[in-house]
N, C-alpha and C. Protein backbone atom coordinates (compact mmCIF):
# COMPACT_ATOMS: atom_id res chain seq x y z
N MET A 1 -138.52 137.76 -27.88
CA MET A 1 -138.12 136.38 -27.71
C MET A 1 -137.38 135.91 -28.97
N ARG A 2 -136.37 135.09 -28.76
CA ARG A 2 -135.59 134.55 -29.87
C ARG A 2 -136.47 133.71 -30.79
N ARG A 3 -136.06 133.66 -32.06
CA ARG A 3 -136.75 132.82 -33.03
C ARG A 3 -135.85 131.64 -33.38
N ILE A 4 -136.48 130.52 -33.76
CA ILE A 4 -135.76 129.35 -34.29
C ILE A 4 -135.87 129.43 -35.80
N VAL A 5 -134.72 129.55 -36.47
CA VAL A 5 -134.65 129.67 -37.92
C VAL A 5 -133.92 128.44 -38.46
N VAL A 6 -134.63 127.64 -39.23
CA VAL A 6 -134.05 126.44 -39.83
C VAL A 6 -133.57 126.78 -41.23
N THR A 7 -132.35 126.37 -41.56
CA THR A 7 -131.81 126.57 -42.90
C THR A 7 -131.31 125.24 -43.43
N GLU A 8 -131.68 124.92 -44.65
CA GLU A 8 -131.32 123.63 -45.23
C GLU A 8 -130.90 123.79 -46.68
N PHE A 9 -129.88 123.03 -47.08
CA PHE A 9 -129.61 122.77 -48.50
C PHE A 9 -130.52 121.61 -48.86
N ILE A 10 -131.30 121.76 -49.94
CA ILE A 10 -132.27 120.72 -50.27
C ILE A 10 -132.38 120.57 -51.78
N SER A 11 -132.50 119.33 -52.22
CA SER A 11 -132.69 119.06 -53.65
C SER A 11 -134.17 119.23 -53.99
N LEU A 12 -134.49 119.23 -55.27
CA LEU A 12 -135.90 119.37 -55.67
C LEU A 12 -136.76 118.24 -55.15
N ASP A 13 -136.16 117.06 -54.92
CA ASP A 13 -136.94 115.95 -54.40
C ASP A 13 -136.81 115.79 -52.88
N GLY A 14 -136.35 116.85 -52.19
CA GLY A 14 -136.38 116.88 -50.74
C GLY A 14 -135.19 116.27 -50.03
N VAL A 15 -134.14 115.88 -50.77
CA VAL A 15 -132.97 115.27 -50.14
C VAL A 15 -132.09 116.36 -49.51
N ILE A 16 -131.64 116.10 -48.28
CA ILE A 16 -130.74 117.03 -47.59
C ILE A 16 -129.44 116.35 -47.19
N GLU A 17 -129.28 115.10 -47.54
CA GLU A 17 -128.12 114.32 -47.10
C GLU A 17 -126.83 114.76 -47.77
N ASP A 18 -125.82 114.98 -46.97
CA ASP A 18 -124.43 115.17 -47.39
C ASP A 18 -124.22 116.18 -48.53
N PRO A 19 -124.73 117.40 -48.38
CA PRO A 19 -124.56 118.38 -49.45
C PRO A 19 -123.09 118.76 -49.67
N GLY A 20 -122.26 118.60 -48.62
CA GLY A 20 -120.85 118.98 -48.71
C GLY A 20 -119.91 117.85 -49.05
N GLY A 21 -120.41 116.61 -49.08
CA GLY A 21 -119.59 115.48 -49.51
C GLY A 21 -118.70 114.87 -48.46
N ALA A 22 -118.94 115.11 -47.18
CA ALA A 22 -118.06 114.58 -46.14
C ALA A 22 -118.57 113.30 -45.49
N GLU A 23 -119.77 112.86 -45.83
CA GLU A 23 -120.38 111.75 -45.10
C GLU A 23 -120.35 110.41 -45.82
N GLY A 24 -119.89 110.38 -47.04
CA GLY A 24 -119.83 109.11 -47.76
C GLY A 24 -121.09 108.71 -48.51
N TYR A 25 -122.08 109.59 -48.56
CA TYR A 25 -123.32 109.35 -49.32
C TYR A 25 -122.98 109.29 -50.81
N LYS A 26 -123.62 108.40 -51.55
CA LYS A 26 -123.23 108.18 -52.95
C LYS A 26 -123.34 109.42 -53.82
N HIS A 27 -124.20 110.37 -53.46
CA HIS A 27 -124.30 111.63 -54.22
C HIS A 27 -123.65 112.79 -53.45
N GLY A 28 -122.84 112.49 -52.45
CA GLY A 28 -122.24 113.50 -51.58
C GLY A 28 -121.58 114.63 -52.35
N GLY A 29 -121.74 115.84 -51.86
CA GLY A 29 -121.17 117.02 -52.51
C GLY A 29 -122.03 117.57 -53.63
N TRP A 30 -123.29 117.20 -53.65
CA TRP A 30 -124.18 117.55 -54.76
C TRP A 30 -124.42 119.05 -54.91
N THR A 31 -124.09 119.86 -53.92
CA THR A 31 -124.29 121.31 -54.04
C THR A 31 -123.16 121.99 -54.80
N PHE A 32 -121.99 121.37 -54.88
CA PHE A 32 -120.81 122.05 -55.42
C PHE A 32 -120.95 122.52 -56.86
N GLU A 33 -121.68 121.80 -57.66
CA GLU A 33 -121.79 122.23 -59.06
C GLU A 33 -122.68 123.47 -59.23
N PHE A 34 -123.28 123.92 -58.13
CA PHE A 34 -124.16 125.10 -58.19
C PHE A 34 -123.61 126.26 -57.37
N ASN A 35 -122.32 126.23 -57.03
CA ASN A 35 -121.73 127.32 -56.25
C ASN A 35 -121.82 128.64 -57.01
N ASP A 36 -122.14 129.69 -56.29
CA ASP A 36 -122.11 131.03 -56.86
C ASP A 36 -121.87 132.04 -55.74
N ASP A 37 -121.43 133.22 -56.10
CA ASP A 37 -121.11 134.24 -55.11
C ASP A 37 -122.35 134.67 -54.32
N GLU A 38 -123.51 134.71 -54.98
CA GLU A 38 -124.74 135.12 -54.29
C GLU A 38 -125.09 134.16 -53.15
N GLY A 39 -124.98 132.87 -53.43
CA GLY A 39 -125.27 131.88 -52.40
C GLY A 39 -124.30 131.95 -51.24
N GLY A 40 -123.02 132.13 -51.56
CA GLY A 40 -122.01 132.27 -50.52
C GLY A 40 -122.25 133.49 -49.65
N ALA A 41 -122.61 134.61 -50.28
CA ALA A 41 -122.89 135.84 -49.54
C ALA A 41 -124.12 135.66 -48.64
N PHE A 42 -125.14 134.96 -49.15
CA PHE A 42 -126.34 134.70 -48.35
C PHE A 42 -126.00 133.88 -47.11
N LYS A 43 -125.22 132.80 -47.27
CA LYS A 43 -124.88 131.94 -46.14
C LYS A 43 -124.01 132.68 -45.12
N LEU A 44 -123.10 133.52 -45.59
CA LEU A 44 -122.27 134.30 -44.69
C LEU A 44 -123.13 135.27 -43.88
N GLN A 45 -123.99 136.01 -44.55
CA GLN A 45 -124.85 136.97 -43.85
C GLN A 45 -125.81 136.26 -42.90
N GLU A 46 -126.33 135.11 -43.33
CA GLU A 46 -127.24 134.34 -42.49
C GLU A 46 -126.55 133.96 -41.17
N LEU A 47 -125.32 133.50 -41.25
CA LEU A 47 -124.59 133.14 -40.04
C LEU A 47 -124.38 134.35 -39.14
N PHE A 48 -123.96 135.46 -39.73
CA PHE A 48 -123.70 136.66 -38.94
C PHE A 48 -124.97 137.26 -38.34
N ASP A 49 -126.13 136.96 -38.92
CA ASP A 49 -127.40 137.48 -38.41
C ASP A 49 -127.91 136.71 -37.19
N HIS A 50 -127.27 135.62 -36.82
CA HIS A 50 -127.73 134.78 -35.71
C HIS A 50 -126.70 134.78 -34.59
N ASP A 51 -127.21 134.61 -33.37
CA ASP A 51 -126.34 134.64 -32.20
C ASP A 51 -126.00 133.27 -31.65
N ALA A 52 -126.73 132.25 -32.09
CA ALA A 52 -126.50 130.90 -31.58
C ALA A 52 -126.90 129.88 -32.65
N GLN A 53 -126.42 128.65 -32.44
CA GLN A 53 -126.81 127.55 -33.31
C GLN A 53 -127.43 126.45 -32.47
N LEU A 54 -128.39 125.76 -33.05
CA LEU A 54 -129.01 124.59 -32.45
C LEU A 54 -128.72 123.44 -33.40
N LEU A 55 -128.11 122.37 -32.89
CA LEU A 55 -127.64 121.29 -33.75
C LEU A 55 -128.02 119.93 -33.18
N GLY A 56 -128.26 118.99 -34.09
CA GLY A 56 -128.35 117.60 -33.69
C GLY A 56 -126.95 117.06 -33.48
N ARG A 57 -126.83 115.91 -32.83
CA ARG A 57 -125.52 115.37 -32.51
C ARG A 57 -124.66 115.09 -33.74
N VAL A 58 -125.23 114.49 -34.77
CA VAL A 58 -124.44 114.13 -35.95
C VAL A 58 -123.89 115.39 -36.62
N THR A 59 -124.72 116.39 -36.81
CA THR A 59 -124.26 117.65 -37.41
C THR A 59 -123.23 118.30 -36.50
N TYR A 60 -123.50 118.31 -35.20
CA TYR A 60 -122.55 118.89 -34.25
C TYR A 60 -121.18 118.22 -34.39
N GLU A 61 -121.16 116.89 -34.40
CA GLU A 61 -119.88 116.19 -34.47
C GLU A 61 -119.12 116.50 -35.76
N GLY A 62 -119.84 116.62 -36.87
CA GLY A 62 -119.19 116.99 -38.13
C GLY A 62 -118.63 118.40 -38.07
N PHE A 63 -119.42 119.33 -37.56
CA PHE A 63 -118.97 120.72 -37.44
C PHE A 63 -117.80 120.83 -36.45
N ALA A 64 -117.91 120.14 -35.31
CA ALA A 64 -116.88 120.23 -34.27
C ALA A 64 -115.55 119.64 -34.74
N LYS A 65 -115.62 118.72 -35.67
CA LYS A 65 -114.40 118.13 -36.24
C LYS A 65 -113.75 119.09 -37.24
N ALA A 66 -114.56 119.83 -37.98
CA ALA A 66 -114.05 120.66 -39.07
C ALA A 66 -113.72 122.10 -38.67
N TRP A 67 -114.62 122.76 -37.95
CA TRP A 67 -114.51 124.20 -37.79
C TRP A 67 -113.43 124.72 -36.85
N PRO A 68 -113.10 124.06 -35.76
CA PRO A 68 -112.09 124.65 -34.86
C PRO A 68 -110.74 124.94 -35.52
N ASP A 69 -110.37 124.22 -36.55
CA ASP A 69 -109.09 124.43 -37.23
C ASP A 69 -109.20 125.26 -38.51
N MET A 70 -110.41 125.72 -38.84
CA MET A 70 -110.62 126.47 -40.08
C MET A 70 -110.30 127.94 -39.89
N GLU A 71 -109.87 128.56 -40.99
CA GLU A 71 -109.66 130.00 -41.04
C GLU A 71 -110.13 130.50 -42.39
N ASP A 72 -110.64 131.71 -42.42
CA ASP A 72 -111.04 132.33 -43.69
C ASP A 72 -111.02 133.84 -43.52
N ASP A 73 -110.87 134.54 -44.62
CA ASP A 73 -110.79 136.01 -44.57
C ASP A 73 -112.12 136.67 -44.23
N ALA A 74 -113.24 136.00 -44.55
CA ALA A 74 -114.56 136.60 -44.33
C ALA A 74 -115.00 136.55 -42.88
N GLY A 75 -114.36 135.72 -42.05
CA GLY A 75 -114.74 135.62 -40.65
C GLY A 75 -115.77 134.56 -40.34
N PHE A 76 -116.13 133.73 -41.33
CA PHE A 76 -117.12 132.67 -41.14
C PHE A 76 -116.66 131.71 -40.04
N ALA A 77 -115.42 131.25 -40.13
CA ALA A 77 -114.91 130.29 -39.16
C ALA A 77 -114.88 130.89 -37.76
N ASP A 78 -114.44 132.14 -37.64
CA ASP A 78 -114.41 132.79 -36.33
C ASP A 78 -115.81 132.85 -35.72
N LYS A 79 -116.79 133.19 -36.53
CA LYS A 79 -118.17 133.27 -36.04
C LYS A 79 -118.67 131.88 -35.62
N MET A 80 -118.41 130.87 -36.45
CA MET A 80 -118.83 129.49 -36.12
C MET A 80 -118.24 129.06 -34.78
N ASN A 81 -116.98 129.37 -34.57
CA ASN A 81 -116.28 128.91 -33.38
C ASN A 81 -116.64 129.71 -32.13
N SER A 82 -116.99 130.97 -32.28
CA SER A 82 -117.25 131.80 -31.11
C SER A 82 -118.71 131.81 -30.66
N MET A 83 -119.65 131.54 -31.55
CA MET A 83 -121.05 131.64 -31.17
C MET A 83 -121.49 130.49 -30.26
N LYS A 84 -122.54 130.72 -29.50
CA LYS A 84 -123.12 129.71 -28.62
C LYS A 84 -123.70 128.59 -29.46
N LYS A 85 -123.46 127.35 -29.02
CA LYS A 85 -123.99 126.18 -29.71
C LYS A 85 -124.77 125.32 -28.71
N TYR A 86 -126.00 124.98 -29.08
CA TYR A 86 -126.82 124.07 -28.30
C TYR A 86 -126.93 122.78 -29.08
N VAL A 87 -126.73 121.64 -28.40
CA VAL A 87 -126.78 120.35 -29.07
C VAL A 87 -127.86 119.50 -28.44
N VAL A 88 -128.70 118.92 -29.29
CA VAL A 88 -129.72 117.99 -28.83
C VAL A 88 -129.15 116.59 -29.02
N SER A 89 -128.95 115.88 -27.91
CA SER A 89 -128.35 114.55 -27.97
C SER A 89 -128.65 113.79 -26.69
N SER A 90 -128.88 112.49 -26.83
CA SER A 90 -129.04 111.65 -25.65
C SER A 90 -127.74 110.91 -25.34
N THR A 91 -126.72 111.06 -26.20
CA THR A 91 -125.47 110.33 -25.99
C THR A 91 -124.27 111.24 -25.75
N LEU A 92 -124.28 112.44 -26.25
CA LEU A 92 -123.15 113.36 -26.08
C LEU A 92 -123.21 113.94 -24.66
N THR A 93 -122.14 113.78 -23.92
CA THR A 93 -122.13 114.30 -22.54
C THR A 93 -121.02 115.31 -22.31
N ASP A 94 -119.96 115.25 -23.07
CA ASP A 94 -118.81 116.12 -22.82
C ASP A 94 -118.37 116.79 -24.13
N PRO A 95 -119.09 117.82 -24.57
CA PRO A 95 -118.73 118.46 -25.84
C PRO A 95 -117.38 119.17 -25.74
N THR A 96 -116.62 119.09 -26.81
CA THR A 96 -115.28 119.67 -26.81
C THR A 96 -115.20 121.00 -27.55
N TRP A 97 -116.17 121.31 -28.39
CA TRP A 97 -116.15 122.54 -29.16
C TRP A 97 -116.56 123.70 -28.26
N ALA A 98 -115.83 124.78 -28.30
CA ALA A 98 -116.07 125.94 -27.44
C ALA A 98 -117.51 126.43 -27.49
N ASN A 99 -118.00 126.87 -26.33
CA ASN A 99 -119.33 127.49 -26.19
C ASN A 99 -120.47 126.54 -26.53
N THR A 100 -120.33 125.27 -26.18
CA THR A 100 -121.35 124.27 -26.48
C THR A 100 -122.05 123.81 -25.21
N GLU A 101 -123.38 123.72 -25.31
CA GLU A 101 -124.21 123.21 -24.21
C GLU A 101 -125.07 122.08 -24.75
N VAL A 102 -125.07 120.95 -24.06
CA VAL A 102 -125.94 119.83 -24.44
C VAL A 102 -127.27 120.03 -23.73
N LEU A 103 -128.35 119.98 -24.50
CA LEU A 103 -129.69 120.19 -23.94
C LEU A 103 -130.24 118.90 -23.34
N GLY A 104 -131.15 119.06 -22.40
CA GLY A 104 -131.79 117.92 -21.76
C GLY A 104 -132.78 117.21 -22.68
N PRO A 105 -133.40 116.15 -22.19
CA PRO A 105 -134.24 115.30 -23.04
C PRO A 105 -135.61 115.88 -23.44
N ASP A 106 -136.10 116.88 -22.74
CA ASP A 106 -137.41 117.45 -23.06
C ASP A 106 -137.22 118.58 -24.09
N LEU A 107 -137.30 118.23 -25.38
CA LEU A 107 -136.99 119.17 -26.45
C LEU A 107 -137.84 120.43 -26.36
N LYS A 108 -139.13 120.29 -26.18
CA LYS A 108 -140.01 121.45 -26.14
C LYS A 108 -139.63 122.39 -24.99
N ALA A 109 -139.44 121.85 -23.82
CA ALA A 109 -139.08 122.68 -22.66
C ALA A 109 -137.73 123.34 -22.85
N GLU A 110 -136.77 122.62 -23.39
CA GLU A 110 -135.43 123.18 -23.60
C GLU A 110 -135.46 124.30 -24.63
N ILE A 111 -136.20 124.13 -25.72
CA ILE A 111 -136.29 125.17 -26.74
C ILE A 111 -136.97 126.40 -26.17
N GLU A 112 -138.03 126.21 -25.43
CA GLU A 112 -138.71 127.35 -24.80
C GLU A 112 -137.76 128.08 -23.85
N ARG A 113 -136.93 127.33 -23.12
CA ARG A 113 -135.97 127.94 -22.19
C ARG A 113 -134.92 128.76 -22.94
N ILE A 114 -134.30 128.18 -23.96
CA ILE A 114 -133.22 128.91 -24.63
C ILE A 114 -133.75 130.08 -25.45
N LYS A 115 -135.02 130.03 -25.87
CA LYS A 115 -135.61 131.17 -26.58
C LYS A 115 -135.79 132.36 -25.63
N ARG A 116 -135.95 132.09 -24.34
CA ARG A 116 -136.12 133.17 -23.35
C ARG A 116 -134.79 133.66 -22.80
N GLU A 117 -133.75 132.88 -22.91
CA GLU A 117 -132.48 133.15 -22.23
C GLU A 117 -131.76 134.43 -22.64
N ALA A 118 -131.69 134.69 -23.92
CA ALA A 118 -130.86 135.80 -24.40
C ALA A 118 -131.46 136.35 -25.69
N PRO A 119 -131.05 137.53 -26.08
CA PRO A 119 -131.54 138.06 -27.36
C PRO A 119 -130.84 137.37 -28.54
N GLY A 120 -131.35 137.56 -29.71
CA GLY A 120 -130.73 137.03 -30.92
C GLY A 120 -131.30 135.70 -31.33
N ASP A 121 -131.55 135.55 -32.61
CA ASP A 121 -132.15 134.34 -33.14
C ASP A 121 -131.18 133.16 -33.15
N ILE A 122 -131.76 131.97 -33.21
CA ILE A 122 -131.01 130.71 -33.17
C ILE A 122 -131.14 130.03 -34.53
N LEU A 123 -130.02 129.68 -35.12
CA LEU A 123 -129.96 129.06 -36.44
C LEU A 123 -129.81 127.55 -36.30
N VAL A 124 -130.61 126.81 -37.06
CA VAL A 124 -130.51 125.35 -37.12
C VAL A 124 -130.10 124.99 -38.54
N ALA A 125 -128.92 124.38 -38.68
CA ALA A 125 -128.43 123.96 -40.00
C ALA A 125 -128.34 122.45 -40.03
N GLY A 126 -128.73 121.85 -41.17
CA GLY A 126 -128.68 120.40 -41.26
C GLY A 126 -129.59 119.78 -40.23
N SER A 127 -129.09 118.73 -39.54
CA SER A 127 -129.79 118.15 -38.38
C SER A 127 -131.20 117.69 -38.71
N ALA A 128 -131.33 116.82 -39.70
CA ALA A 128 -132.64 116.39 -40.22
C ALA A 128 -133.58 115.90 -39.13
N ARG A 129 -133.12 114.99 -38.30
CA ARG A 129 -134.00 114.43 -37.28
C ARG A 129 -134.45 115.49 -36.28
N LEU A 130 -133.53 116.37 -35.91
CA LEU A 130 -133.87 117.47 -35.01
C LEU A 130 -134.91 118.38 -35.65
N VAL A 131 -134.70 118.74 -36.90
CA VAL A 131 -135.64 119.63 -37.60
C VAL A 131 -137.02 118.98 -37.67
N GLN A 132 -137.07 117.69 -37.97
CA GLN A 132 -138.36 117.01 -38.01
C GLN A 132 -139.06 117.08 -36.65
N GLY A 133 -138.29 116.93 -35.56
CA GLY A 133 -138.85 117.04 -34.22
C GLY A 133 -139.33 118.44 -33.91
N LEU A 134 -138.55 119.44 -34.31
CA LEU A 134 -138.94 120.84 -34.10
C LEU A 134 -140.22 121.17 -34.86
N LEU A 135 -140.31 120.70 -36.10
CA LEU A 135 -141.52 120.94 -36.90
C LEU A 135 -142.73 120.26 -36.27
N ALA A 136 -142.56 119.03 -35.82
CA ALA A 136 -143.67 118.29 -35.21
C ALA A 136 -144.18 118.97 -33.95
N LEU A 137 -143.28 119.65 -33.22
CA LEU A 137 -143.66 120.34 -31.99
C LEU A 137 -144.03 121.81 -32.23
N ASP A 138 -144.08 122.22 -33.49
CA ASP A 138 -144.43 123.59 -33.86
C ASP A 138 -143.48 124.61 -33.22
N LEU A 139 -142.17 124.32 -33.29
CA LEU A 139 -141.16 125.18 -32.68
C LEU A 139 -140.34 125.96 -33.69
N VAL A 140 -140.62 125.80 -34.98
CA VAL A 140 -139.86 126.50 -36.02
C VAL A 140 -140.58 127.79 -36.37
N ASP A 141 -139.86 128.90 -36.28
CA ASP A 141 -140.44 130.20 -36.61
C ASP A 141 -140.23 130.56 -38.07
N GLU A 142 -139.11 130.11 -38.64
CA GLU A 142 -138.82 130.41 -40.04
C GLU A 142 -138.06 129.23 -40.64
N LEU A 143 -138.39 128.92 -41.89
CA LEU A 143 -137.78 127.80 -42.61
C LEU A 143 -137.19 128.34 -43.90
N ARG A 144 -135.86 128.22 -44.05
CA ARG A 144 -135.16 128.68 -45.25
C ARG A 144 -134.65 127.48 -46.01
N LEU A 145 -135.15 127.31 -47.21
CA LEU A 145 -134.73 126.18 -48.04
C LEU A 145 -133.93 126.69 -49.22
N MET A 146 -132.64 126.40 -49.23
CA MET A 146 -131.78 126.73 -50.36
C MET A 146 -131.95 125.56 -51.33
N THR A 147 -132.85 125.74 -52.29
CA THR A 147 -133.32 124.66 -53.15
C THR A 147 -132.49 124.58 -54.41
N PHE A 148 -131.77 123.47 -54.56
CA PHE A 148 -130.86 123.29 -55.68
C PHE A 148 -131.56 122.58 -56.84
N PRO A 149 -131.25 122.96 -58.09
CA PRO A 149 -131.92 122.39 -59.25
C PRO A 149 -131.36 121.02 -59.62
N ILE A 150 -131.61 120.06 -58.72
CA ILE A 150 -131.14 118.70 -58.96
C ILE A 150 -132.11 117.73 -58.28
N VAL A 151 -132.34 116.60 -58.94
CA VAL A 151 -133.13 115.51 -58.36
C VAL A 151 -132.15 114.37 -58.10
N LEU A 152 -132.06 113.94 -56.84
CA LEU A 152 -131.09 112.92 -56.46
C LEU A 152 -131.67 111.51 -56.44
N GLY A 153 -132.96 111.40 -56.25
CA GLY A 153 -133.62 110.10 -56.31
C GLY A 153 -133.59 109.28 -55.04
N SER A 154 -132.57 109.45 -54.24
CA SER A 154 -132.48 108.71 -52.98
C SER A 154 -131.68 109.55 -51.98
N GLY A 155 -131.80 109.17 -50.73
CA GLY A 155 -131.07 109.87 -49.68
C GLY A 155 -132.00 110.36 -48.59
N LYS A 156 -131.40 110.81 -47.50
CA LYS A 156 -132.17 111.30 -46.36
C LYS A 156 -132.92 112.55 -46.77
N ARG A 157 -134.20 112.55 -46.48
CA ARG A 157 -135.07 113.67 -46.86
C ARG A 157 -135.47 114.48 -45.63
N LEU A 158 -135.74 115.74 -45.87
CA LEU A 158 -136.16 116.63 -44.79
C LEU A 158 -137.51 116.23 -44.23
N TRP A 159 -138.42 115.89 -45.10
CA TRP A 159 -139.80 115.66 -44.67
C TRP A 159 -139.98 114.23 -44.23
N GLY A 160 -140.16 114.04 -42.94
CA GLY A 160 -140.45 112.72 -42.39
C GLY A 160 -141.96 112.53 -42.36
N GLU A 161 -142.37 111.52 -41.66
CA GLU A 161 -143.80 111.29 -41.50
C GLU A 161 -144.36 112.34 -40.55
N GLN A 162 -145.39 113.03 -40.98
CA GLN A 162 -146.03 114.07 -40.17
C GLN A 162 -147.39 113.57 -39.72
N ASP A 163 -147.76 113.88 -38.49
CA ASP A 163 -149.09 113.53 -38.00
C ASP A 163 -150.14 114.52 -38.48
N ALA A 164 -149.68 115.73 -38.83
CA ALA A 164 -150.63 116.76 -39.25
C ALA A 164 -150.01 117.57 -40.39
N ALA A 165 -150.86 118.25 -41.11
CA ALA A 165 -150.39 119.13 -42.19
C ALA A 165 -149.55 120.25 -41.58
N LEU A 166 -148.65 120.78 -42.38
CA LEU A 166 -147.78 121.86 -41.95
C LEU A 166 -147.96 123.05 -42.88
N PRO A 167 -148.93 123.91 -42.60
CA PRO A 167 -149.13 125.06 -43.48
C PRO A 167 -148.01 126.08 -43.29
N LEU A 168 -147.52 126.60 -44.40
CA LEU A 168 -146.45 127.59 -44.39
C LEU A 168 -146.84 128.75 -45.29
N LYS A 169 -146.29 129.92 -44.99
CA LYS A 169 -146.54 131.10 -45.82
C LYS A 169 -145.21 131.53 -46.42
N LEU A 170 -145.18 131.66 -47.75
CA LEU A 170 -143.96 132.10 -48.42
C LEU A 170 -143.67 133.55 -48.06
N ALA A 171 -142.49 133.79 -47.47
CA ALA A 171 -142.08 135.15 -47.11
C ALA A 171 -141.22 135.77 -48.20
N SER A 172 -140.42 134.93 -48.87
CA SER A 172 -139.59 135.45 -49.96
C SER A 172 -139.07 134.30 -50.82
N ALA A 173 -138.75 134.65 -52.06
CA ALA A 173 -138.12 133.72 -53.00
C ALA A 173 -137.02 134.49 -53.70
N GLN A 174 -135.79 133.98 -53.58
CA GLN A 174 -134.63 134.65 -54.15
C GLN A 174 -133.91 133.71 -55.11
N PRO A 175 -134.12 133.89 -56.42
CA PRO A 175 -133.39 133.05 -57.37
C PRO A 175 -131.93 133.50 -57.49
N LEU A 176 -131.04 132.53 -57.61
CA LEU A 176 -129.62 132.81 -57.77
C LEU A 176 -129.19 132.47 -59.20
N GLY A 177 -128.07 133.00 -59.62
CA GLY A 177 -127.57 132.78 -60.96
C GLY A 177 -127.31 131.32 -61.29
N SER A 178 -127.05 130.50 -60.28
CA SER A 178 -126.77 129.08 -60.48
C SER A 178 -128.02 128.26 -60.76
N GLY A 179 -129.20 128.87 -60.59
CA GLY A 179 -130.45 128.13 -60.71
C GLY A 179 -131.02 127.72 -59.36
N THR A 180 -130.24 127.90 -58.33
CA THR A 180 -130.70 127.64 -56.96
C THR A 180 -131.68 128.75 -56.58
N VAL A 181 -132.67 128.38 -55.77
CA VAL A 181 -133.65 129.36 -55.28
C VAL A 181 -133.70 129.26 -53.76
N ILE A 182 -133.59 130.40 -53.10
CA ILE A 182 -133.71 130.44 -51.64
C ILE A 182 -135.16 130.79 -51.32
N LEU A 183 -135.84 129.82 -50.74
CA LEU A 183 -137.25 130.00 -50.37
C LEU A 183 -137.33 130.15 -48.85
N THR A 184 -137.97 131.21 -48.40
CA THR A 184 -138.13 131.48 -46.98
C THR A 184 -139.61 131.40 -46.64
N TYR A 185 -139.91 130.54 -45.65
CA TYR A 185 -141.30 130.32 -45.22
C TYR A 185 -141.43 130.65 -43.75
N ARG A 186 -142.63 131.10 -43.39
CA ARG A 186 -142.98 131.31 -41.98
C ARG A 186 -144.32 130.64 -41.72
N ARG A 187 -144.61 130.42 -40.47
CA ARG A 187 -145.91 129.88 -40.09
C ARG A 187 -146.95 130.99 -40.27
N PRO A 188 -148.12 130.66 -40.81
CA PRO A 188 -149.14 131.71 -40.99
C PRO A 188 -149.72 132.17 -39.66
């Protein structure tokens, strides 16, 4: 059965808002000062290791605006554009980005369905509200936090209000030359 793998750029104080600087957040683009080849290679391999993406509407709209016209030598854009995309949204009805399916309102049932549909893991990038919902429903199989050595002080955070504790088991920790650490967690 497919796994749901969440990947996030996150500051030391838990902020995930606008790491690339496209959303107008006052600290937007906060990841750029920590760019390194190791991190780029990790993100490229991570994308190629997955067969589909699961996105919230806001992340989907940002990706759908940017990626269809992108090109790169590594094949990142081709993979983004060709892979299956599932979008969780109550307002999006007619997605324009190739290979996109809008999921129905029952998140748990839809995730269980798409996990059975085909082989290959599903990657969730960004999509804070969606990730919080997936965590609350115990639907995340692996959580990858690309943790940047910066405290932002304000902004949208990954961790919302939880009704219960969320125990995680550290599967790996990979420090990068920039000071960023990739932490991979699984449910015990």
